[in-house]
PDB file of all heavy atoms in Angstrom:
ATOM      1  N   ALA A   1       0.856  -1.220   0.015  1.00  0.00           N
ATOM      2  CA  ALA A   1       0.003  -0.019  -0.057  1.00  0.00           C
ATOM      3  C   ALA A   1       0.848   1.285  -0.013  1.00  0.00           C
ATOM      4  O   ALA A   1       2.029   1.146   0.481  1.00  0.00           O
ATOM      5  CB  ALA A   1      -0.838  -0.073   1.230  1.00  0.00           C
ATOM      6  N   ASP A   2       0.310   2.366  -0.443  1.00  0.00           N
ATOM      7  CA  ASP A   2       1.135   3.626  -0.556  1.00  0.00           C
ATOM      8  C   ASP A   2       1.520   4.028   0.777  1.00  0.00           C
ATOM      9  O   ASP A   2       2.539   4.803   1.025  1.00  0.00           O
ATOM     10  CB  ASP A   2       0.240   4.741  -1.124  1.00  0.00           C
ATOM     11  CG  ASP A   2       0.086   4.424  -2.679  1.00  0.00           C
ATOM     12  OD1 ASP A   2       0.976   3.785  -3.307  1.00  0.00           O
ATOM     13  OD2 ASP A   2      -0.862   5.058  -3.170  1.00  0.00           O
ATOM     14  N   ALA A   3       0.781   3.614   1.836  1.00  0.00           N
ATOM     15  CA  ALA A   3       1.222   4.018   3.232  1.00  0.00           C
ATOM     16  C   ALA A   3       2.229   3.114   3.933  1.00  0.00           C
ATOM     17  O   ALA A   3       2.465   3.247   5.123  1.00  0.00           O
ATOM     18  CB  ALA A   3      -0.066   4.076   4.188  1.00  0.00           C
ATOM     19  N   ASP A   4       2.701   2.179   3.156  1.00  0.00           N
ATOM     20  CA  ASP A   4       3.750   1.282   3.707  1.00  0.00           C
ATOM     21  C   ASP A   4       5.135   1.686   3.272  1.00  0.00           C
ATOM     22  O   ASP A   4       5.347   2.459   2.401  1.00  0.00           O
ATOM     23  CB  ASP A   4       3.479  -0.123   3.038  1.00  0.00           C
ATOM     24  CG  ASP A   4       2.225  -0.873   3.653  1.00  0.00           C
ATOM     25  OD1 ASP A   4       1.796  -0.435   4.689  1.00  0.00           O
ATOM     26  OD2 ASP A   4       1.775  -1.774   2.999  1.00  0.00           O
ATOM     27  N   VAL A   5       6.073   1.074   3.980  1.00  0.00           N
ATOM     28  CA  VAL A   5       7.549   1.295   3.740  1.00  0.00           C
ATOM     29  C   VAL A   5       7.969  -0.204   3.361  1.00  0.00           C
ATOM     30  O   VAL A   5       7.726  -1.123   3.996  1.00  0.00           O
ATOM     31  CB  VAL A   5       8.200   1.803   4.986  1.00  0.00           C
ATOM     32  CG1 VAL A   5       9.741   1.746   4.773  1.00  0.00           C
ATOM     33  CG2 VAL A   5       7.731   3.167   5.297  1.00  0.00           C
ATOM     34  N   ARG A   6       8.729  -0.292   2.200  1.00  0.00           N
ATOM     35  CA  ARG A   6       9.281  -1.512   1.780  1.00  0.00           C
ATOM     36  C   ARG A   6      10.592  -1.733   2.443  1.00  0.00           C
ATOM     37  O   ARG A   6      11.459  -0.879   2.422  1.00  0.00           O
ATOM     38  CB  ARG A   6       9.382  -1.481   0.198  1.00  0.00           C
ATOM     39  CG  ARG A   6       9.836  -2.849  -0.263  1.00  0.00           C
ATOM     40  CD  ARG A   6       9.693  -2.951  -1.751  1.00  0.00           C
ATOM     41  NE  ARG A   6      11.047  -2.623  -2.341  1.00  0.00           N
ATOM     42  CZ  ARG A   6      11.350  -2.878  -3.534  1.00  0.00           C
ATOM     43  NH1 ARG A   6      10.512  -3.419  -4.388  1.00  0.00           N
ATOM     44  NH2 ARG A   6      12.533  -2.547  -3.998  1.00  0.00           N
ATOM     45  N   VAL A   7      10.796  -2.867   3.035  1.00  0.00           N
ATOM     46  CA  VAL A   7      12.051  -3.167   3.722  1.00  0.00           C
ATOM     47  C   VAL A   7      12.653  -4.329   3.067  1.00  0.00           C
ATOM     48  O   VAL A   7      12.064  -5.397   2.852  1.00  0.00           O
ATOM     49  CB  VAL A   7      11.703  -3.615   5.204  1.00  0.00           C
ATOM     50  CG1 VAL A   7      13.106  -3.899   5.992  1.00  0.00           C
ATOM     51  CG2 VAL A   7      11.001  -2.403   5.899  1.00  0.00           C
ATOM     52  N   LEU A   8      13.966  -4.133   2.628  1.00  0.00           N
ATOM     53  CA  LEU A   8      14.733  -5.152   1.989  1.00  0.00           C
ATOM     54  C   LEU A   8      15.768  -5.646   3.084  1.00  0.00           C
ATOM     55  O   LEU A   8      16.267  -4.847   3.878  1.00  0.00           O
ATOM     56  CB  LEU A   8      15.547  -4.530   0.823  1.00  0.00           C
ATOM     57  CG  LEU A   8      14.777  -3.641  -0.262  1.00  0.00           C
ATOM     58  CD1 LEU A   8      15.701  -3.120  -1.286  1.00  0.00           C
ATOM     59  CD2 LEU A   8      13.813  -4.668  -0.880  1.00  0.00           C
ATOM     60  N   LEU A   9      15.970  -7.030   2.993  1.00  0.00           N
ATOM     61  CA  LEU A   9      16.799  -7.524   4.051  1.00  0.00           C
ATOM     62  C   LEU A   9      17.929  -8.243   3.309  1.00  0.00           C
ATOM     63  O   LEU A   9      17.681  -8.993   2.232  1.00  0.00           O
ATOM     64  CB  LEU A   9      15.980  -8.579   4.878  1.00  0.00           C
ATOM     65  CG  LEU A   9      14.944  -7.903   5.550  1.00  0.00           C
ATOM     66  CD1 LEU A   9      13.672  -8.646   5.524  1.00  0.00           C
ATOM     67  CD2 LEU A   9      15.259  -7.699   7.081  1.00  0.00           C
ATOM     68  N   PHE A  10      19.156  -8.161   3.826  1.00  0.00           N
ATOM     69  CA  PHE A  10      20.287  -8.710   3.147  1.00  0.00           C
ATOM     70  C   PHE A  10      21.083  -9.668   4.067  1.00  0.00           C
ATOM     71  O   PHE A  10      21.110  -9.547   5.250  1.00  0.00           O
ATOM     72  CB  PHE A  10      21.355  -7.599   2.689  1.00  0.00           C
ATOM     73  CG  PHE A  10      20.641  -6.717   1.548  1.00  0.00           C
ATOM     74  CD1 PHE A  10      19.978  -5.575   1.908  1.00  0.00           C
ATOM     75  CD2 PHE A  10      20.778  -7.086   0.344  1.00  0.00           C
ATOM     76  CE1 PHE A  10      19.377  -4.777   0.900  1.00  0.00           C
ATOM     77  CE2 PHE A  10      20.089  -6.325  -0.729  1.00  0.00           C
ATOM     78  CZ  PHE A  10      19.487  -5.152  -0.344  1.00  0.00           C
ATOM     79  N   ALA A  11      21.697 -10.557   3.360  1.00  0.00           N
ATOM     80  CA  ALA A  11      22.659 -11.592   4.012  1.00  0.00           C
ATOM     81  C   ALA A  11      22.020 -12.190   5.225  1.00  0.00           C
ATOM     82  O   ALA A  11      20.906 -12.760   5.236  1.00  0.00           O
ATOM     83  CB  ALA A  11      23.948 -10.934   4.320  1.00  0.00           C
ATOM     84  N   ALA A  12      22.727 -12.160   6.418  1.00  0.00           N
ATOM     85  CA  ALA A  12      22.237 -12.847   7.678  1.00  0.00           C
ATOM     86  C   ALA A  12      20.891 -12.259   8.013  1.00  0.00           C
ATOM     87  O   ALA A  12      20.074 -13.074   8.655  1.00  0.00           O
ATOM     88  CB  ALA A  12      23.273 -12.639   8.769  1.00  0.00           C
ATOM     89  N   ALA A  13      20.582 -11.036   7.864  1.00  0.00           N
ATOM     90  CA  ALA A  13      19.270 -10.475   8.314  1.00  0.00           C
ATOM     91  C   ALA A  13      18.230 -11.198   7.413  1.00  0.00           C
ATOM     92  O   ALA A  13      17.163 -11.559   8.063  1.00  0.00           O
ATOM     93  CB  ALA A  13      19.205  -8.964   8.006  1.00  0.00           C
ATOM     94  N   ARG A  14      18.423 -11.449   6.182  1.00  0.00           N
ATOM     95  CA  ARG A  14      17.492 -12.125   5.323  1.00  0.00           C
ATOM     96  C   ARG A  14      17.300 -13.547   5.815  1.00  0.00           C
ATOM     97  O   ARG A  14      16.179 -14.044   5.916  1.00  0.00           O
ATOM     98  CB  ARG A  14      17.973 -12.105   3.944  1.00  0.00           C
ATOM     99  CG  ARG A  14      17.065 -12.846   2.931  1.00  0.00           C
ATOM    100  CD  ARG A  14      17.653 -13.015   1.529  1.00  0.00           C
ATOM    101  NE  ARG A  14      18.871 -13.653   1.639  1.00  0.00           N
ATOM    102  CZ  ARG A  14      20.113 -13.336   1.026  1.00  0.00           C
ATOM    103  NH1 ARG A  14      20.102 -12.172   0.315  1.00  0.00           N
ATOM    104  NH2 ARG A  14      21.156 -14.009   1.123  1.00  0.00           N
ATOM    105  N   ASP A  15      18.308 -14.175   6.256  1.00  0.00           N
ATOM    106  CA  ASP A  15      18.279 -15.496   6.687  1.00  0.00           C
ATOM    107  C   ASP A  15      17.555 -15.646   8.048  1.00  0.00           C
ATOM    108  O   ASP A  15      16.704 -16.524   8.186  1.00  0.00           O
ATOM    109  CB  ASP A  15      19.670 -16.169   6.836  1.00  0.00           C
ATOM    110  CG  ASP A  15      20.477 -16.273   5.525  1.00  0.00           C
ATOM    111  OD1 ASP A  15      19.846 -16.209   4.560  1.00  0.00           O
ATOM    112  OD2 ASP A  15      21.715 -16.331   5.651  1.00  0.00           O
ATOM    113  N   LEU A  16      17.735 -14.658   8.973  1.00  0.00           N
ATOM    114  CA  LEU A  16      17.054 -14.690  10.226  1.00  0.00           C
ATOM    115  C   LEU A  16      15.605 -14.453  10.018  1.00  0.00           C
ATOM    116  O   LEU A  16      14.807 -15.114  10.737  1.00  0.00           O
ATOM    117  CB  LEU A  16      17.682 -13.756  11.078  1.00  0.00           C
ATOM    118  CG  LEU A  16      19.004 -14.094  11.689  1.00  0.00           C
ATOM    119  CD1 LEU A  16      19.719 -12.857  12.387  1.00  0.00           C
ATOM    120  CD2 LEU A  16      19.017 -15.301  12.715  1.00  0.00           C
ATOM    121  N   VAL A  17      15.177 -13.595   9.161  1.00  0.00           N
ATOM    122  CA  VAL A  17      13.778 -13.312   8.900  1.00  0.00           C
ATOM    123  C   VAL A  17      13.052 -14.303   8.028  1.00  0.00           C
ATOM    124  O   VAL A  17      11.920 -14.595   8.103  1.00  0.00           O
ATOM    125  CB  VAL A  17      13.643 -11.842   8.299  1.00  0.00           C
ATOM    126  CG1 VAL A  17      12.206 -11.616   7.797  1.00  0.00           C
ATOM    127  CG2 VAL A  17      14.084 -10.834   9.341  1.00  0.00           C
ATOM    128  N   GLY A  18      13.895 -14.921   7.062  1.00  0.00           N
ATOM    129  CA  GLY A  18      13.337 -15.823   6.113  1.00  0.00           C
ATOM    130  C   GLY A  18      12.591 -15.217   4.993  1.00  0.00           C
ATOM    131  O   GLY A  18      11.759 -15.850   4.357  1.00  0.00           O
ATOM    132  N   ALA A  19      13.033 -14.009   4.636  1.00  0.00           N
ATOM    133  CA  ALA A  19      12.488 -13.369   3.506  1.00  0.00           C
ATOM    134  C   ALA A  19      13.406 -12.207   3.042  1.00  0.00           C
ATOM    135  O   ALA A  19      14.234 -11.762   3.871  1.00  0.00           O
ATOM    136  CB  ALA A  19      11.097 -12.610   3.897  1.00  0.00           C
ATOM    137  N   ARG A  20      13.297 -11.933   1.693  1.00  0.00           N
ATOM    138  CA  ARG A  20      14.190 -10.946   1.134  1.00  0.00           C
ATOM    139  C   ARG A  20      13.653  -9.525   1.405  1.00  0.00           C
ATOM    140  O   ARG A  20      14.255  -8.622   1.368  1.00  0.00           O
ATOM    141  CB  ARG A  20      14.361 -11.216  -0.353  1.00  0.00           C
ATOM    142  CG  ARG A  20      15.025 -12.403  -0.673  1.00  0.00           C
ATOM    143  CD  ARG A  20      15.117 -12.561  -2.245  1.00  0.00           C
ATOM    144  NE  ARG A  20      15.772 -13.755  -2.586  1.00  0.00           N
ATOM    145  CZ  ARG A  20      17.080 -13.899  -2.948  1.00  0.00           C
ATOM    146  NH1 ARG A  20      17.760 -12.670  -3.189  1.00  0.00           N
ATOM    147  NH2 ARG A  20      17.567 -14.927  -3.225  1.00  0.00           N
ATOM    148  N   GLN A  21      12.188  -9.424   1.477  1.00  0.00           N
ATOM    149  CA  GLN A  21      11.542  -8.128   1.736  1.00  0.00           C
ATOM    150  C   GLN A  21      10.320  -8.385   2.465  1.00  0.00           C
ATOM    151  O   GLN A  21       9.712  -9.419   2.480  1.00  0.00           O
ATOM    152  CB  GLN A  21      11.412  -7.402   0.378  1.00  0.00           C
ATOM    153  CG  GLN A  21      10.379  -7.984  -0.531  1.00  0.00           C
ATOM    154  CD  GLN A  21      10.236  -7.113  -1.782  1.00  0.00           C
ATOM    155  OE1 GLN A  21      11.193  -6.462  -2.122  1.00  0.00           O
ATOM    156  NE2 GLN A  21       9.017  -7.064  -2.246  1.00  0.00           N
ATOM    157  N   LEU A  22       9.889  -7.220   3.067  1.00  0.00           N
ATOM    158  CA  LEU A  22       8.598  -7.170   3.695  1.00  0.00           C
ATOM    159  C   LEU A  22       8.179  -5.767   3.762  1.00  0.00           C
ATOM    160  O   LEU A  22       8.823  -4.867   3.380  1.00  0.00           O
ATOM    161  CB  LEU A  22       8.591  -7.784   5.095  1.00  0.00           C
ATOM    162  CG  LEU A  22       9.806  -7.306   6.055  1.00  0.00           C
ATOM    163  CD1 LEU A  22       9.443  -6.184   6.918  1.00  0.00           C
ATOM    164  CD2 LEU A  22      10.289  -8.438   6.906  1.00  0.00           C
ATOM    165  N   THR A  23       6.949  -5.621   4.254  1.00  0.00           N
ATOM    166  CA  THR A  23       6.393  -4.202   4.406  1.00  0.00           C
ATOM    167  C   THR A  23       6.122  -3.876   5.820  1.00  0.00           C
ATOM    168  O   THR A  23       5.811  -4.759   6.614  1.00  0.00           O
ATOM    169  CB  THR A  23       5.122  -4.007   3.502  1.00  0.00           C
ATOM    170  OG1 THR A  23       4.173  -4.905   3.892  1.00  0.00           O
ATOM    171  CG2 THR A  23       5.533  -4.115   2.058  1.00  0.00           C
ATOM    172  N   VAL A  24       6.189  -2.537   6.133  1.00  0.00           N
ATOM    173  CA  VAL A  24       5.964  -2.120   7.520  1.00  0.00           C
ATOM    174  C   VAL A  24       5.079  -0.918   7.293  1.00  0.00           C
ATOM    175  O   VAL A  24       5.396  -0.046   6.443  1.00  0.00           O
ATOM    176  CB  VAL A  24       7.252  -1.679   8.197  1.00  0.00           C
ATOM    177  CG1 VAL A  24       6.949  -0.993   9.566  1.00  0.00           C
ATOM    178  CG2 VAL A  24       8.175  -2.909   8.409  1.00  0.00           C
ATOM    179  N   PRO A  25       3.971  -0.652   8.042  1.00  0.00           N
ATOM    180  CA  PRO A  25       3.177   0.476   7.906  1.00  0.00           C
ATOM    181  C   PRO A  25       3.994   1.679   8.237  1.00  0.00           C
ATOM    182  O   PRO A  25       4.835   1.811   9.167  1.00  0.00           O
ATOM    183  CB  PRO A  25       2.075   0.329   9.005  1.00  0.00           C
ATOM    184  CG  PRO A  25       2.062  -1.249   9.252  1.00  0.00           C
ATOM    185  CD  PRO A  25       3.433  -1.576   8.964  1.00  0.00           C
ATOM    186  N   SER A  26       3.850   2.698   7.375  1.00  0.00           N
ATOM    187  CA  SER A  26       4.680   3.953   7.556  1.00  0.00           C
ATOM    188  C   SER A  26       4.495   4.681   8.906  1.00  0.00           C
ATOM    189  O   SER A  26       5.409   5.305   9.448  1.00  0.00           O
ATOM    190  CB  SER A  26       4.404   4.920   6.435  1.00  0.00           C
ATOM    191  OG  SER A  26       3.069   5.377   6.391  1.00  0.00           O
ATOM    192  N   ALA A  27       3.317   4.409   9.501  1.00  0.00           N
ATOM    193  CA  ALA A  27       3.132   4.969  10.854  1.00  0.00           C
ATOM    194  C   ALA A  27       4.099   4.428  11.979  1.00  0.00           C
ATOM    195  O   ALA A  27       4.363   5.041  12.887  1.00  0.00           O
ATOM    196  CB  ALA A  27       1.668   4.820  11.301  1.00  0.00           C
ATOM    197  N   GLU A  28       4.588   3.182  11.673  1.00  0.00           N
ATOM    198  CA  GLU A  28       5.494   2.609  12.580  1.00  0.00           C
ATOM    199  C   GLU A  28       6.988   2.829  12.167  1.00  0.00           C
ATOM    200  O   GLU A  28       7.879   2.511  12.930  1.00  0.00           O
ATOM    201  CB  GLU A  28       5.354   1.043  12.536  1.00  0.00           C
ATOM    202  CG  GLU A  28       4.000   0.677  13.061  1.00  0.00           C
ATOM    203  CD  GLU A  28       3.808  -0.859  13.049  1.00  0.00           C
ATOM    204  OE1 GLU A  28       4.804  -1.592  13.222  1.00  0.00           O
ATOM    205  OE2 GLU A  28       2.682  -1.321  12.800  1.00  0.00           O
ATOM    206  N   ALA A  29       7.169   3.367  11.042  1.00  0.00           N
ATOM    207  CA  ALA A  29       8.567   3.637  10.442  1.00  0.00           C
ATOM    208  C   ALA A  29       8.781   5.060  10.036  1.00  0.00           C
ATOM    209  O   ALA A  29       9.059   5.361   8.867  1.00  0.00           O
ATOM    210  CB  ALA A  29       8.760   2.692   9.309  1.00  0.00           C
ATOM    211  N   THR A  30       8.609   5.990  10.976  1.00  0.00           N
ATOM    212  CA  THR A  30       8.769   7.458  10.593  1.00  0.00           C
ATOM    213  C   THR A  30      10.242   7.830  10.551  1.00  0.00           C
ATOM    214  O   THR A  30      10.585   8.935  10.022  1.00  0.00           O
ATOM    215  CB  THR A  30       7.942   8.268  11.609  1.00  0.00           C
ATOM    216  OG1 THR A  30       8.534   8.090  12.821  1.00  0.00           O
ATOM    217  CG2 THR A  30       6.507   8.044  11.413  1.00  0.00           C
ATOM    218  N   THR A  31      11.168   6.994  11.144  1.00  0.00           N
ATOM    219  CA  THR A  31      12.561   7.265  11.104  1.00  0.00           C
ATOM    220  C   THR A  31      13.290   6.004  10.792  1.00  0.00           C
ATOM    221  O   THR A  31      12.559   4.945  10.835  1.00  0.00           O
ATOM    222  CB  THR A  31      13.034   7.714  12.426  1.00  0.00           C
ATOM    223  OG1 THR A  31      12.861   6.663  13.437  1.00  0.00           O
ATOM    224  CG2 THR A  31      12.346   9.048  12.949  1.00  0.00           C
ATOM    225  N   ALA A  32      14.559   6.043  10.494  1.00  0.00           N
ATOM    226  CA  ALA A  32      15.264   4.787  10.142  1.00  0.00           C
ATOM    227  C   ALA A  32      15.278   3.987  11.425  1.00  0.00           C
ATOM    228  O   ALA A  32      15.093   2.687  11.208  1.00  0.00           O
ATOM    229  CB  ALA A  32      16.711   5.162   9.810  1.00  0.00           C
ATOM    230  N   ALA A  33      15.441   4.510  12.624  1.00  0.00           N
ATOM    231  CA  ALA A  33      15.496   3.618  13.784  1.00  0.00           C
ATOM    232  C   ALA A  33      14.164   3.050  14.068  1.00  0.00           C
ATOM    233  O   ALA A  33      13.981   1.783  14.439  1.00  0.00           O
ATOM    234  CB  ALA A  33      15.817   4.542  15.007  1.00  0.00           C
ATOM    235  N   GLY A  34      13.024   3.811  13.761  1.00  0.00           N
ATOM    236  CA  GLY A  34      11.668   3.252  13.859  1.00  0.00           C
ATOM    237  C   GLY A  34      11.353   2.097  12.919  1.00  0.00           C
ATOM    238  O   GLY A  34      10.700   1.141  13.334  1.00  0.00           O
ATOM    239  N   ALA A  35      11.904   2.168  11.756  1.00  0.00           N
ATOM    240  CA  ALA A  35      11.715   1.181  10.718  1.00  0.00           C
ATOM    241  C   ALA A  35      12.441  -0.076  11.235  1.00  0.00           C
ATOM    242  O   ALA A  35      11.882  -1.245  11.194  1.00  0.00           O
ATOM    243  CB  ALA A  35      12.244   1.526   9.408  1.00  0.00           C
ATOM    244  N   LEU A  36      13.666  -0.033  11.761  1.00  0.00           N
ATOM    245  CA  LEU A  36      14.407  -1.187  12.176  1.00  0.00           C
ATOM    246  C   LEU A  36      13.700  -1.740  13.428  1.00  0.00           C
ATOM    247  O   LEU A  36      13.521  -2.966  13.477  1.00  0.00           O
ATOM    248  CB  LEU A  36      15.808  -0.695  12.587  1.00  0.00           C
ATOM    249  CG  LEU A  36      16.698  -1.831  13.192  1.00  0.00           C
ATOM    250  CD1 LEU A  36      16.809  -2.988  12.176  1.00  0.00           C
ATOM    251  CD2 LEU A  36      18.014  -1.226  13.578  1.00  0.00           C
ATOM    252  N   ALA A  37      13.155  -0.900  14.282  1.00  0.00           N
ATOM    253  CA  ALA A  37      12.472  -1.416  15.525  1.00  0.00           C
ATOM    254  C   ALA A  37      11.226  -2.062  15.133  1.00  0.00           C
ATOM    255  O   ALA A  37      10.896  -3.211  15.654  1.00  0.00           O
ATOM    256  CB  ALA A  37      12.160  -0.236  16.392  1.00  0.00           C
ATOM    257  N   ALA A  38      10.585  -1.581  14.066  1.00  0.00           N
ATOM    258  CA  ALA A  38       9.360  -2.307  13.623  1.00  0.00           C
ATOM    259  C   ALA A  38       9.560  -3.679  13.025  1.00  0.00           C
ATOM    260  O   ALA A  38       8.861  -4.669  13.301  1.00  0.00           O
ATOM    261  CB  ALA A  38       8.579  -1.437  12.564  1.00  0.00           C
ATOM    262  N   VAL A  39      10.704  -3.861  12.374  1.00  0.00           N
ATOM    263  CA  VAL A  39      11.074  -5.144  11.787  1.00  0.00           C
ATOM    264  C   VAL A  39      11.537  -6.083  12.943  1.00  0.00           C
ATOM    265  O   VAL A  39      11.111  -7.197  13.034  1.00  0.00           O
ATOM    266  CB  VAL A  39      12.246  -5.036  10.779  1.00  0.00           C
ATOM    267  CG1 VAL A  39      12.761  -6.343  10.287  1.00  0.00           C
ATOM    268  CG2 VAL A  39      11.711  -4.174   9.558  1.00  0.00           C
ATOM    269  N   VAL A  40      12.260  -5.551  13.854  1.00  0.00           N
ATOM    270  CA  VAL A  40      12.693  -6.475  15.047  1.00  0.00           C
ATOM    271  C   VAL A  40      11.541  -6.882  15.858  1.00  0.00           C
ATOM    272  O   VAL A  40      11.502  -7.937  16.331  1.00  0.00           O
ATOM    273  CB  VAL A  40      13.823  -5.634  15.891  1.00  0.00           C
ATOM    274  CG1 VAL A  40      14.090  -6.326  17.098  1.00  0.00           C
ATOM    275  CG2 VAL A  40      15.034  -5.509  15.046  1.00  0.00           C
ATOM    276  N   ALA A  41      10.579  -5.947  16.039  1.00  0.00           N
ATOM    277  CA  ALA A  41       9.419  -6.259  16.809  1.00  0.00           C
ATOM    278  C   ALA A  41       8.591  -7.550  16.207  1.00  0.00           C
ATOM    279  O   ALA A  41       8.143  -8.419  16.847  1.00  0.00           O
ATOM    280  CB  ALA A  41       8.430  -5.214  16.911  1.00  0.00           C
ATOM    281  N   ARG A  42       8.659  -7.580  14.818  1.00  0.00           N
ATOM    282  CA  ARG A  42       7.964  -8.740  14.048  1.00  0.00           C
ATOM    283  C   ARG A  42       8.910  -9.954  13.937  1.00  0.00           C
ATOM    284  O   ARG A  42       8.456 -11.042  13.832  1.00  0.00           O
ATOM    285  CB  ARG A  42       7.575  -8.288  12.808  1.00  0.00           C
ATOM    286  CG  ARG A  42       6.482  -7.304  12.795  1.00  0.00           C
ATOM    287  CD  ARG A  42       6.279  -6.641  11.397  1.00  0.00           C
ATOM    288  NE  ARG A  42       5.072  -5.804  11.273  1.00  0.00           N
ATOM    289  CZ  ARG A  42       4.977  -4.663  11.844  1.00  0.00           C
ATOM    290  NH1 ARG A  42       5.982  -4.087  12.389  1.00  0.00           N
ATOM    291  NH2 ARG A  42       3.929  -3.895  11.751  1.00  0.00           N
ATOM    292  N   HIS A  43      10.194  -9.658  14.143  1.00  0.00           N
ATOM    293  CA  HIS A  43      11.164 -10.724  13.933  1.00  0.00           C
ATOM    294  C   HIS A  43      12.226 -10.667  15.001  1.00  0.00           C
ATOM    295  O   HIS A  43      13.398 -10.158  14.845  1.00  0.00           O
ATOM    296  CB  HIS A  43      11.803 -10.704  12.460  1.00  0.00           C
ATOM    297  CG  HIS A  43      10.935 -10.768  11.456  1.00  0.00           C
ATOM    298  ND1 HIS A  43      10.307 -12.022  10.955  1.00  0.00           N
ATOM    299  CD2 HIS A  43      10.245  -9.746  10.782  1.00  0.00           C
ATOM    300  CE1 HIS A  43       9.387 -11.689  10.142  1.00  0.00           C
ATOM    301  NE2 HIS A  43       9.380 -10.440   9.812  1.00  0.00           N
TER     302      HIS A  43
END
């Protein structure tokens, strides 16, 4: 969705998550640290 942020995962991060990419709602990812925190909360 337009309100999402696309997150690409590389190398070991990709392996730990089990995916090359995912999406995070932009409301949870207003900063770089927020985007990382949103991904870590899910994984």
